[in-house]
C-alpha atoms as a PDB file:
ATOM      1  CA  MET A   1     178.840  75.265 117.230  1.00  0.00           C
ATOM      2  CA  LEU A   2     175.486  74.155 115.699  1.00  0.00           C
ATOM      3  CA  GLY A   3     176.959  70.750 115.042  1.00  0.00           C
ATOM      4  CA  GLY A   4     177.188  70.163 118.821  1.00  0.00           C
ATOM      5  CA  LEU A   5     173.499  71.048 119.226  1.00  0.00           C
ATOM      6  CA  GLY A   6     172.571  68.629 116.433  1.00  0.00           C
ATOM      7  CA  ASN A   7     174.494  65.877 118.080  1.00  0.00           C
ATOM      8  CA  ILE A   8     172.650  66.550 121.395  1.00  0.00           C
ATOM      9  CA  ALA A   9     169.263  66.537 119.628  1.00  0.00           C
ATOM     10  CA  GLY A  10     170.194  63.319 117.927  1.00  0.00           C
ATOM     11  CA  LEU A  11     171.174  61.805 121.298  1.00  0.00           C
ATOM     12  CA  MET A  12     167.907  63.025 122.886  1.00  0.00           C
ATOM     13  CA  LYS A  13     165.970  61.370 120.034  1.00  0.00           C
ATOM     14  CA  GLN A  14     167.817  58.072 120.520  1.00  0.00           C
ATOM     15  CA  ALA A  15     167.286  58.212 124.272  1.00  0.00           C
ATOM     16  CA  LYS A  16     163.547  58.760 123.704  1.00  0.00           C
ATOM     17  CA  GLU A  17     163.354  55.882 121.268  1.00  0.00           C
ATOM     18  CA  MET A  18     165.258  53.584 123.706  1.00  0.00           C
ATOM     19  CA  GLN A  19     162.821  54.631 126.497  1.00  0.00           C
ATOM     20  CA  GLY A  20     159.870  53.563 124.322  1.00  0.00           C
ATOM     21  CA  LYS A  21     161.536  50.236 123.453  1.00  0.00           C
ATOM     22  CA  MET A  22     162.135  49.640 127.274  1.00  0.00           C
ATOM     23  CA  ALA A  23     158.534  50.300 127.991  1.00  0.00           C
ATOM     24  CA  ASP A  24     157.508  47.786 125.320  1.00  0.00           C
ATOM     25  CA  MET A  25     159.988  45.217 126.584  1.00  0.00           C
ATOM     26  CA  GLN A  26     158.619  45.563 130.211  1.00  0.00           C
ATOM     27  CA  ARG A  27     155.099  44.943 128.913  1.00  0.00           C
ATOM     28  CA  GLU A  28     156.329  41.900 126.886  1.00  0.00           C
ATOM     29  CA  LEU A  29     158.107  40.575 129.948  1.00  0.00           C
ATOM     30  CA  GLU A  30     155.022  40.879 132.153  1.00  0.00           C
ATOM     31  CA  ALA A  31     153.105  38.736 129.579  1.00  0.00           C
ATOM     32  CA  LYS A  32     155.789  36.027 129.347  1.00  0.00           C
ATOM     33  CA  ARG A  33     155.597  32.924 131.505  1.00  0.00           C
ATOM     34  CA  PHE A  34     158.475  30.797 132.901  1.00  0.00           C
ATOM     35  CA  GLU A  35     157.873  27.555 134.721  1.00  0.00           C
ATOM     36  CA  ALA A  36     159.930  25.221 136.736  1.00  0.00           C
ATOM     37  CA  GLU A  37     159.231  21.871 138.519  1.00  0.00           C
ATOM     38  CA  SER A  38     160.684  20.273 141.645  1.00  0.00           C
ATOM     39  CA  GLY A  39     160.186  16.888 143.220  1.00  0.00           C
ATOM     40  CA  GLY A  40     159.793  15.267 139.790  1.00  0.00           C
ATOM     41  CA  GLY A  41     156.884  17.465 138.942  1.00  0.00           C
ATOM     42  CA  VAL A  42     155.204  17.367 142.319  1.00  0.00           C
ATOM     43  CA  VAL A  43     155.489  21.165 142.493  1.00  0.00           C
ATOM     44  CA  LYS A  44     155.260  23.452 139.599  1.00  0.00           C
ATOM     45  CA  ALA A  45     155.909  27.252 139.921  1.00  0.00           C
ATOM     46  CA  ILE A  46     155.052  29.775 137.166  1.00  0.00           C
ATOM     47  CA  VAL A  47     156.400  33.246 137.120  1.00  0.00           C
ATOM     48  CA  ASP A  48     156.132  36.171 134.824  1.00  0.00           C
ATOM     49  CA  GLY A  49     159.085  37.659 132.927  1.00  0.00           C
ATOM     50  CA  LYS A  50     159.834  39.869 135.866  1.00  0.00           C
ATOM     51  CA  GLY A  51     160.080  37.003 138.292  1.00  0.00           C
ATOM     52  CA  THR A  52     156.724  37.541 140.020  1.00  0.00           C
ATOM     53  CA  LEU A  53     154.980  34.268 141.010  1.00  0.00           C
ATOM     54  CA  VAL A  54     151.719  33.997 139.071  1.00  0.00           C
ATOM     55  CA  ASP A  55     150.752  30.363 139.739  1.00  0.00           C
ATOM     56  CA  ILE A  56     151.744  27.344 141.634  1.00  0.00           C
ATOM     57  CA  LYS A  57     150.513  23.767 141.164  1.00  0.00           C
ATOM     58  CA  ILE A  58     150.958  21.205 143.994  1.00  0.00           C
ATOM     59  CA  ALA A  59     150.210  17.472 143.527  1.00  0.00           C
ATOM     60  CA  PRO A  60     148.064  16.070 146.394  1.00  0.00           C
ATOM     61  CA  GLU A  61     150.756  13.538 147.475  1.00  0.00           C
ATOM     62  CA  ALA A  62     153.114  16.468 148.345  1.00  0.00           C
ATOM     63  CA  VAL A  63     150.878  17.552 151.144  1.00  0.00           C
ATOM     64  CA  GLU A  64     151.720  14.684 153.314  1.00  0.00           C
ATOM     65  CA  ASP A  65     155.126  16.145 154.268  1.00  0.00           C
ATOM     66  CA  VAL A  66     154.856  19.876 154.937  1.00  0.00           C
ATOM     67  CA  GLU A  67     158.602  20.421 155.420  1.00  0.00           C
ATOM     68  CA  LEU A  68     159.368  18.740 152.165  1.00  0.00           C
ATOM     69  CA  LEU A  69     156.611  20.647 150.502  1.00  0.00           C
ATOM     70  CA  GLU A  70     158.085  23.925 151.651  1.00  0.00           C
ATOM     71  CA  ASP A  71     161.403  22.999 150.228  1.00  0.00           C
ATOM     72  CA  LEU A  72     159.912  21.884 146.833  1.00  0.00           C
ATOM     73  CA  ILE A  73     158.002  25.156 146.651  1.00  0.00           C
ATOM     74  CA  LYS A  74     161.171  27.236 147.329  1.00  0.00           C
ATOM     75  CA  GLY A  75     163.106  25.207 144.712  1.00  0.00           C
ATOM     76  CA  ALA A  76     160.574  25.517 141.973  1.00  0.00           C
ATOM     77  CA  VAL A  77     160.004  29.312 142.561  1.00  0.00           C
ATOM     78  CA  SER A  78     163.758  29.914 142.691  1.00  0.00           C
ATOM     79  CA  VAL A  79     164.473  28.058 139.405  1.00  0.00           C
ATOM     80  CA  ALA A  80     161.462  29.666 137.671  1.00  0.00           C
ATOM     81  CA  GLY A  81     162.769  33.150 138.793  1.00  0.00           C
ATOM     82  CA  LYS A  82     166.181  32.441 137.403  1.00  0.00           C
ATOM     83  CA  LYS A  83     164.615  31.318 134.027  1.00  0.00           C
ATOM     84  CA  ALA A  84     162.752  34.770 134.037  1.00  0.00           C
ATOM     85  CA  GLN A  85     166.014  36.687 134.713  1.00  0.00           C
ATOM     86  CA  GLU A  86     167.727  34.867 131.931  1.00  0.00           C
ATOM     87  CA  GLY A  87     164.788  35.535 129.546  1.00  0.00           C
ATOM     88  CA  ALA A  88     164.917  39.272 130.439  1.00  0.00           C
ATOM     89  CA  LYS A  89     168.654  39.348 129.903  1.00  0.00           C
ATOM     90  CA  GLU A  90     168.317  37.695 126.526  1.00  0.00           C
ATOM     91  CA  GLN A  91     165.596  40.124 125.441  1.00  0.00           C
ATOM     92  CA  LEU A  92     167.652  43.113 126.652  1.00  0.00           C
ATOM     93  CA  SER A  93     170.725  41.906 124.852  1.00  0.00           C
ATOM     94  CA  ALA A  94     168.676  41.461 121.638  1.00  0.00           C
ATOM     95  CA  MET A  95     167.303  45.121 121.991  1.00  0.00           C
ATOM     96  CA  THR A  96     170.738  46.559 122.607  1.00  0.00           C
ATOM     97  CA  GLY A  97     172.578  44.497 120.052  1.00  0.00           C
ATOM     98  CA  GLY A  98     174.630  42.871 122.838  1.00  0.00           C
ATOM     99  CA  MET A  99     175.978  46.171 124.215  1.00  0.00           C
ATOM    100  CA  ASN A 100     176.250  46.399 127.959  1.00  0.00           C
ATOM    101  CA  ILE A 101     174.648  49.577 128.975  1.00  0.00           C
ATOM    102  CA  PRO A 102     175.199  50.290 132.747  1.00  0.00           C
ATOM    103  CA  GLY A 103     172.075  50.562 134.729  1.00  0.00           C
ATOM    104  CA  LEU A 104     169.748  49.491 131.841  1.00  0.00           C
ATOM    105  CA  SER A 105     169.051  45.994 133.271  1.00  0.00           C
ATOM    106  CA  ASP A 106     168.023  47.732 136.497  1.00  0.00           C
ATOM    107  CA  LEU A 107     164.941  49.144 134.723  1.00  0.00           C
ATOM    108  CA  LEU A 108     163.735  45.604 134.211  1.00  0.00           C
ATOM    109  CA  GLY A 109     164.278  44.693 137.823  1.00  0.00           C
ATOM    110  CA  GLY A 110     167.225  42.479 137.000  1.00  0.00           C
END
């Protein structure tokens, strides 16, 4: 009977360790930057590891056509966000040894 309690205690310890690793990973992701360009570099979007837009650069010549500029911005932000998602998945996979743990990626916003 005590063996069962030992297993529970071990699982609780592992869960606490995983929780600490997840918190560390979230901090690391917030510090990472992913960038993408559109329009041949006319628009550059930079997002953090969680996909939040942190900076955008627009070349002066892009301002002449507002509709095109809007499309270029959306494109650059979209690609940068996808890069951030891929980076988060890679980091999560490295942390879990490639194991797919249901719901774990939700903690990263992925």
